[in-house]
Amino acid sequence: MWTRHHKNRNTGRLILPTVCAAFLAYFGYHTYNGEYGINSKHQLEQRRTELTARLEKLHDERIHIERRANLLRDGNLEKDMLDEYARRALSMSKPDEVVIMLDEAFVN
């Protein structure tokens, strides 16, 4: 009768820890760099602050435009304001006028 003797190998003992380490590495990587990971959270927070600042700027600009538009409505029509808009749009002035051009930052 033949008997087979197998040599004890250490590779069987390393398979389960290696598989567990691979799973931990995979999930750890995606916890930090994944679509909903920690890094993405910081990027989304930065984007939100940028867009909030842009929204506030656009809101202020809209209020400014609405105030100027209210001056041109039929009940509030100011002839000086209408004259100013027409001259600026057509780039025209009278021969005896002095025109001083200002940057947009100084006008507001």
N, C-alpha and C. Protein backbone atom coordinates (compact mmCIF):
# COMPACT_ATOMS: atom_id res chain seq x y z
N MET A 1 0.84 -1.16 0.00
CA MET A 1 0.00 0.00 0.00
C MET A 1 0.89 1.24 0.00
N TRP A 2 0.54 2.07 -0.91
CA TRP A 2 1.33 3.29 -1.07
C TRP A 2 0.67 4.40 -0.26
N THR A 3 1.44 5.18 0.39
CA THR A 3 0.94 6.35 1.10
C THR A 3 1.62 7.59 0.54
N ARG A 4 0.86 8.61 0.45
CA ARG A 4 1.41 9.87 -0.08
C ARG A 4 1.59 10.82 1.06
N HIS A 5 2.73 11.37 1.11
CA HIS A 5 3.02 12.37 2.13
C HIS A 5 3.14 13.71 1.44
N HIS A 6 2.36 14.66 1.90
CA HIS A 6 2.42 16.00 1.31
C HIS A 6 3.23 16.89 2.22
N LYS A 7 4.00 17.70 1.60
CA LYS A 7 4.80 18.65 2.36
C LYS A 7 3.91 19.83 2.75
N ASN A 8 3.96 20.26 3.97
CA ASN A 8 3.17 21.40 4.41
C ASN A 8 3.73 22.69 3.79
N ARG A 9 2.84 23.40 3.13
CA ARG A 9 3.27 24.63 2.48
C ARG A 9 2.67 25.82 3.22
N ASN A 10 3.38 26.93 3.20
CA ASN A 10 2.91 28.15 3.86
C ASN A 10 2.02 29.00 2.95
N THR A 11 1.91 28.67 1.69
CA THR A 11 1.11 29.48 0.76
C THR A 11 -0.36 29.44 1.12
N GLY A 12 -0.84 28.37 1.67
CA GLY A 12 -2.24 28.26 2.06
C GLY A 12 -2.57 29.22 3.19
N ARG A 13 -1.60 29.48 4.03
CA ARG A 13 -1.81 30.40 5.14
C ARG A 13 -1.79 31.86 4.69
N LEU A 14 -1.22 32.14 3.55
CA LEU A 14 -1.10 33.53 3.07
C LEU A 14 -2.23 33.95 2.15
N ILE A 15 -3.02 33.02 1.68
CA ILE A 15 -4.07 33.36 0.71
C ILE A 15 -5.14 34.24 1.34
N LEU A 16 -5.69 33.87 2.46
CA LEU A 16 -6.76 34.64 3.09
C LEU A 16 -6.29 36.04 3.52
N PRO A 17 -5.15 36.20 4.17
CA PRO A 17 -4.69 37.56 4.50
C PRO A 17 -4.41 38.42 3.27
N THR A 18 -3.91 37.81 2.20
CA THR A 18 -3.64 38.55 0.96
C THR A 18 -4.95 39.03 0.33
N VAL A 19 -5.95 38.19 0.29
CA VAL A 19 -7.25 38.57 -0.25
C VAL A 19 -7.88 39.67 0.60
N CYS A 20 -7.79 39.53 1.92
CA CYS A 20 -8.34 40.58 2.81
C CYS A 20 -7.61 41.90 2.63
N ALA A 21 -6.29 41.85 2.50
CA ALA A 21 -5.51 43.08 2.30
C ALA A 21 -5.87 43.73 0.97
N ALA A 22 -6.12 42.91 -0.06
CA ALA A 22 -6.51 43.46 -1.37
C ALA A 22 -7.87 44.15 -1.27
N PHE A 23 -8.83 43.54 -0.57
CA PHE A 23 -10.14 44.17 -0.39
C PHE A 23 -10.03 45.47 0.41
N LEU A 24 -9.25 45.45 1.46
CA LEU A 24 -9.07 46.66 2.26
C LEU A 24 -8.41 47.77 1.45
N ALA A 25 -7.42 47.42 0.65
CA ALA A 25 -6.76 48.42 -0.19
C ALA A 25 -7.73 49.00 -1.22
N TYR A 26 -8.54 48.14 -1.83
CA TYR A 26 -9.52 48.58 -2.83
C TYR A 26 -10.52 49.56 -2.23
N PHE A 27 -11.12 49.14 -1.11
CA PHE A 27 -12.13 50.00 -0.50
C PHE A 27 -11.51 51.24 0.14
N GLY A 28 -10.31 51.12 0.65
CA GLY A 28 -9.62 52.30 1.20
C GLY A 28 -9.32 53.33 0.12
N TYR A 29 -8.87 52.86 -1.03
CA TYR A 29 -8.59 53.77 -2.14
C TYR A 29 -9.86 54.50 -2.57
N HIS A 30 -10.95 53.76 -2.73
CA HIS A 30 -12.19 54.38 -3.19
C HIS A 30 -12.86 55.22 -2.10
N THR A 31 -12.55 54.96 -0.85
CA THR A 31 -13.06 55.82 0.22
C THR A 31 -12.47 57.21 0.11
N TYR A 32 -11.23 57.30 -0.29
CA TYR A 32 -10.57 58.60 -0.40
C TYR A 32 -10.76 59.23 -1.78
N ASN A 33 -10.55 58.46 -2.85
CA ASN A 33 -10.56 59.00 -4.21
C ASN A 33 -11.82 58.71 -5.01
N GLY A 34 -12.76 58.00 -4.45
CA GLY A 34 -13.96 57.63 -5.20
C GLY A 34 -14.86 58.82 -5.50
N GLU A 35 -15.95 58.54 -6.21
CA GLU A 35 -16.89 59.59 -6.61
C GLU A 35 -17.51 60.29 -5.41
N TYR A 36 -17.75 59.57 -4.35
CA TYR A 36 -18.32 60.14 -3.13
C TYR A 36 -17.32 60.09 -1.98
N GLY A 37 -16.04 60.06 -2.28
CA GLY A 37 -15.01 59.94 -1.27
C GLY A 37 -14.69 61.25 -0.58
N ILE A 38 -13.70 61.17 0.30
CA ILE A 38 -13.30 62.33 1.10
C ILE A 38 -12.76 63.44 0.22
N ASN A 39 -11.92 63.10 -0.74
CA ASN A 39 -11.33 64.09 -1.64
C ASN A 39 -12.41 64.77 -2.47
N SER A 40 -13.38 64.02 -2.94
CA SER A 40 -14.47 64.59 -3.74
C SER A 40 -15.32 65.54 -2.90
N LYS A 41 -15.48 65.22 -1.64
CA LYS A 41 -16.25 66.09 -0.75
C LYS A 41 -15.59 67.46 -0.66
N HIS A 42 -14.27 67.50 -0.52
CA HIS A 42 -13.56 68.77 -0.44
C HIS A 42 -13.66 69.55 -1.77
N GLN A 43 -13.57 68.83 -2.88
CA GLN A 43 -13.69 69.48 -4.18
C GLN A 43 -15.09 70.05 -4.38
N LEU A 44 -16.11 69.31 -3.97
CA LEU A 44 -17.49 69.81 -4.10
C LEU A 44 -17.72 71.02 -3.20
N GLU A 45 -17.14 71.01 -2.01
CA GLU A 45 -17.28 72.15 -1.09
C GLU A 45 -16.61 73.40 -1.67
N GLN A 46 -15.44 73.23 -2.28
CA GLN A 46 -14.76 74.36 -2.91
C GLN A 46 -15.58 74.88 -4.09
N ARG A 47 -16.11 74.01 -4.89
CA ARG A 47 -16.94 74.42 -6.04
C ARG A 47 -18.19 75.16 -5.56
N ARG A 48 -18.78 74.69 -4.44
CA ARG A 48 -19.97 75.34 -3.89
C ARG A 48 -19.66 76.76 -3.44
N THR A 49 -18.53 76.97 -2.80
CA THR A 49 -18.18 78.32 -2.36
C THR A 49 -17.92 79.24 -3.55
N GLU A 50 -17.28 78.71 -4.61
CA GLU A 50 -17.05 79.52 -5.81
C GLU A 50 -18.38 79.91 -6.46
N LEU A 51 -19.28 78.96 -6.57
CA LEU A 51 -20.57 79.25 -7.20
C LEU A 51 -21.43 80.17 -6.35
N THR A 52 -21.31 80.06 -5.03
CA THR A 52 -22.05 80.96 -4.15
C THR A 52 -21.56 82.39 -4.31
N ALA A 53 -20.24 82.57 -4.40
CA ALA A 53 -19.69 83.91 -4.61
C ALA A 53 -20.13 84.47 -5.96
N ARG A 54 -20.14 83.62 -6.98
CA ARG A 54 -20.59 84.06 -8.31
C ARG A 54 -22.07 84.44 -8.29
N LEU A 55 -22.88 83.66 -7.57
CA LEU A 55 -24.30 83.95 -7.45
C LEU A 55 -24.53 85.29 -6.77
N GLU A 56 -23.80 85.57 -5.71
CA GLU A 56 -23.94 86.86 -5.02
C GLU A 56 -23.56 88.02 -5.93
N LYS A 57 -22.49 87.83 -6.71
CA LYS A 57 -22.06 88.88 -7.65
C LYS A 57 -23.14 89.12 -8.70
N LEU A 58 -23.69 88.04 -9.26
CA LEU A 58 -24.74 88.19 -10.27
C LEU A 58 -26.01 88.79 -9.67
N HIS A 59 -26.30 88.45 -8.42
CA HIS A 59 -27.48 89.02 -7.76
C HIS A 59 -27.32 90.53 -7.58
N ASP A 60 -26.14 90.97 -7.15
CA ASP A 60 -25.89 92.40 -7.00
C ASP A 60 -25.96 93.12 -8.35
N GLU A 61 -25.42 92.47 -9.38
CA GLU A 61 -25.47 93.07 -10.72
C GLU A 61 -26.91 93.18 -11.21
N ARG A 62 -27.71 92.18 -10.93
CA ARG A 62 -29.12 92.21 -11.34
C ARG A 62 -29.87 93.34 -10.62
N ILE A 63 -29.63 93.50 -9.33
CA ILE A 63 -30.28 94.58 -8.59
C ILE A 63 -29.89 95.94 -9.17
N HIS A 64 -28.62 96.09 -9.51
CA HIS A 64 -28.15 97.35 -10.11
C HIS A 64 -28.85 97.62 -11.44
N ILE A 65 -28.96 96.59 -12.28
CA ILE A 65 -29.61 96.76 -13.59
C ILE A 65 -31.10 97.05 -13.40
N GLU A 66 -31.74 96.38 -12.43
CA GLU A 66 -33.16 96.64 -12.20
C GLU A 66 -33.40 98.07 -11.72
N ARG A 67 -32.52 98.58 -10.89
CA ARG A 67 -32.67 99.98 -10.44
C ARG A 67 -32.54 100.95 -11.60
N ARG A 68 -31.57 100.68 -12.48
CA ARG A 68 -31.41 101.57 -13.63
C ARG A 68 -32.57 101.43 -14.61
N ALA A 69 -33.11 100.22 -14.74
CA ALA A 69 -34.24 100.01 -15.64
C ALA A 69 -35.50 100.68 -15.09
N ASN A 70 -35.64 100.74 -13.76
CA ASN A 70 -36.80 101.40 -13.17
C ASN A 70 -36.82 102.89 -13.50
N LEU A 71 -35.65 103.47 -13.70
CA LEU A 71 -35.60 104.89 -14.05
C LEU A 71 -36.14 105.15 -15.46
N LEU A 72 -36.17 104.12 -16.29
CA LEU A 72 -36.63 104.29 -17.67
C LEU A 72 -38.09 103.88 -17.87
N ARG A 73 -38.75 103.42 -16.83
CA ARG A 73 -40.16 103.03 -16.97
C ARG A 73 -41.02 104.25 -17.21
N ASP A 74 -42.19 104.02 -17.73
CA ASP A 74 -43.07 105.09 -18.17
C ASP A 74 -43.44 106.05 -17.04
N GLY A 75 -43.76 105.56 -15.87
CA GLY A 75 -44.15 106.43 -14.77
C GLY A 75 -42.98 107.18 -14.16
N ASN A 76 -41.78 106.65 -14.27
CA ASN A 76 -40.59 107.24 -13.65
C ASN A 76 -39.62 107.82 -14.66
N LEU A 77 -40.01 107.99 -15.85
CA LEU A 77 -39.08 108.36 -16.92
C LEU A 77 -38.39 109.69 -16.63
N GLU A 78 -37.08 109.62 -16.49
CA GLU A 78 -36.29 110.82 -16.31
C GLU A 78 -35.65 111.16 -17.65
N LYS A 79 -35.86 112.37 -18.09
CA LYS A 79 -35.36 112.75 -19.41
C LYS A 79 -33.84 112.79 -19.45
N ASP A 80 -33.21 113.16 -18.35
CA ASP A 80 -31.75 113.17 -18.33
C ASP A 80 -31.18 111.76 -18.47
N MET A 81 -31.81 110.82 -17.80
CA MET A 81 -31.33 109.44 -17.89
C MET A 81 -31.54 108.90 -19.29
N LEU A 82 -32.69 109.17 -19.89
CA LEU A 82 -32.96 108.73 -21.25
C LEU A 82 -31.97 109.35 -22.23
N ASP A 83 -31.70 110.63 -22.05
CA ASP A 83 -30.75 111.33 -22.90
C ASP A 83 -29.35 110.72 -22.75
N GLU A 84 -28.97 110.41 -21.52
CA GLU A 84 -27.66 109.81 -21.27
C GLU A 84 -27.53 108.45 -21.95
N TYR A 85 -28.56 107.60 -21.83
CA TYR A 85 -28.53 106.29 -22.47
C TYR A 85 -28.47 106.42 -23.99
N ALA A 86 -29.25 107.30 -24.54
CA ALA A 86 -29.27 107.46 -26.00
C ALA A 86 -27.92 107.95 -26.51
N ARG A 87 -27.32 108.90 -25.84
CA ARG A 87 -26.01 109.41 -26.28
C ARG A 87 -24.93 108.34 -26.14
N ARG A 88 -24.98 107.57 -25.07
CA ARG A 88 -23.98 106.52 -24.89
C ARG A 88 -24.16 105.43 -25.93
N ALA A 89 -25.40 105.05 -26.22
CA ALA A 89 -25.64 103.99 -27.20
C ALA A 89 -25.25 104.42 -28.60
N LEU A 90 -25.50 105.68 -28.95
CA LEU A 90 -25.21 106.16 -30.29
C LEU A 90 -23.83 106.79 -30.41
N SER A 91 -23.14 106.96 -29.28
CA SER A 91 -21.82 107.61 -29.26
C SER A 91 -21.89 108.98 -29.91
N MET A 92 -22.86 109.77 -29.51
CA MET A 92 -23.03 111.10 -30.08
C MET A 92 -23.08 112.14 -28.98
N SER A 93 -22.71 113.36 -29.33
CA SER A 93 -22.83 114.49 -28.41
C SER A 93 -23.03 115.75 -29.24
N LYS A 94 -23.43 116.81 -28.55
CA LYS A 94 -23.61 118.09 -29.25
C LYS A 94 -22.25 118.74 -29.45
N PRO A 95 -22.13 119.65 -30.41
CA PRO A 95 -20.83 120.27 -30.70
C PRO A 95 -20.28 121.08 -29.53
N ASP A 96 -21.14 121.65 -28.69
CA ASP A 96 -20.64 122.49 -27.61
C ASP A 96 -20.49 121.74 -26.29
N GLU A 97 -20.62 120.41 -26.28
CA GLU A 97 -20.51 119.62 -25.06
C GLU A 97 -19.10 119.08 -24.88
N VAL A 98 -18.74 118.90 -23.62
CA VAL A 98 -17.48 118.25 -23.28
C VAL A 98 -17.83 116.87 -22.72
N VAL A 99 -17.27 115.86 -23.31
CA VAL A 99 -17.56 114.49 -22.91
C VAL A 99 -16.37 113.94 -22.15
N ILE A 100 -16.63 113.44 -20.94
CA ILE A 100 -15.59 112.82 -20.12
C ILE A 100 -15.96 111.34 -20.00
N MET A 101 -15.14 110.49 -20.58
CA MET A 101 -15.40 109.05 -20.56
C MET A 101 -14.77 108.44 -19.30
N LEU A 102 -15.57 107.72 -18.53
CA LEU A 102 -15.09 107.06 -17.32
C LEU A 102 -15.15 105.56 -17.49
N ASP A 103 -14.29 104.88 -16.77
CA ASP A 103 -14.37 103.42 -16.77
C ASP A 103 -15.64 102.98 -16.08
N GLU A 104 -16.05 101.77 -16.37
CA GLU A 104 -17.29 101.25 -15.79
C GLU A 104 -17.17 101.14 -14.26
N ALA A 105 -15.97 100.93 -13.76
CA ALA A 105 -15.78 100.80 -12.30
C ALA A 105 -16.05 102.13 -11.60
N PHE A 106 -15.73 103.24 -12.23
CA PHE A 106 -15.96 104.54 -11.61
C PHE A 106 -17.42 105.00 -11.70
N VAL A 107 -18.14 104.50 -12.69
CA VAL A 107 -19.53 104.91 -12.89
C VAL A 107 -20.41 104.27 -11.82
N ASN A 108 -20.14 103.05 -11.47
CA ASN A 108 -20.98 102.34 -10.52
C ASN A 108 -20.57 102.76 -9.17
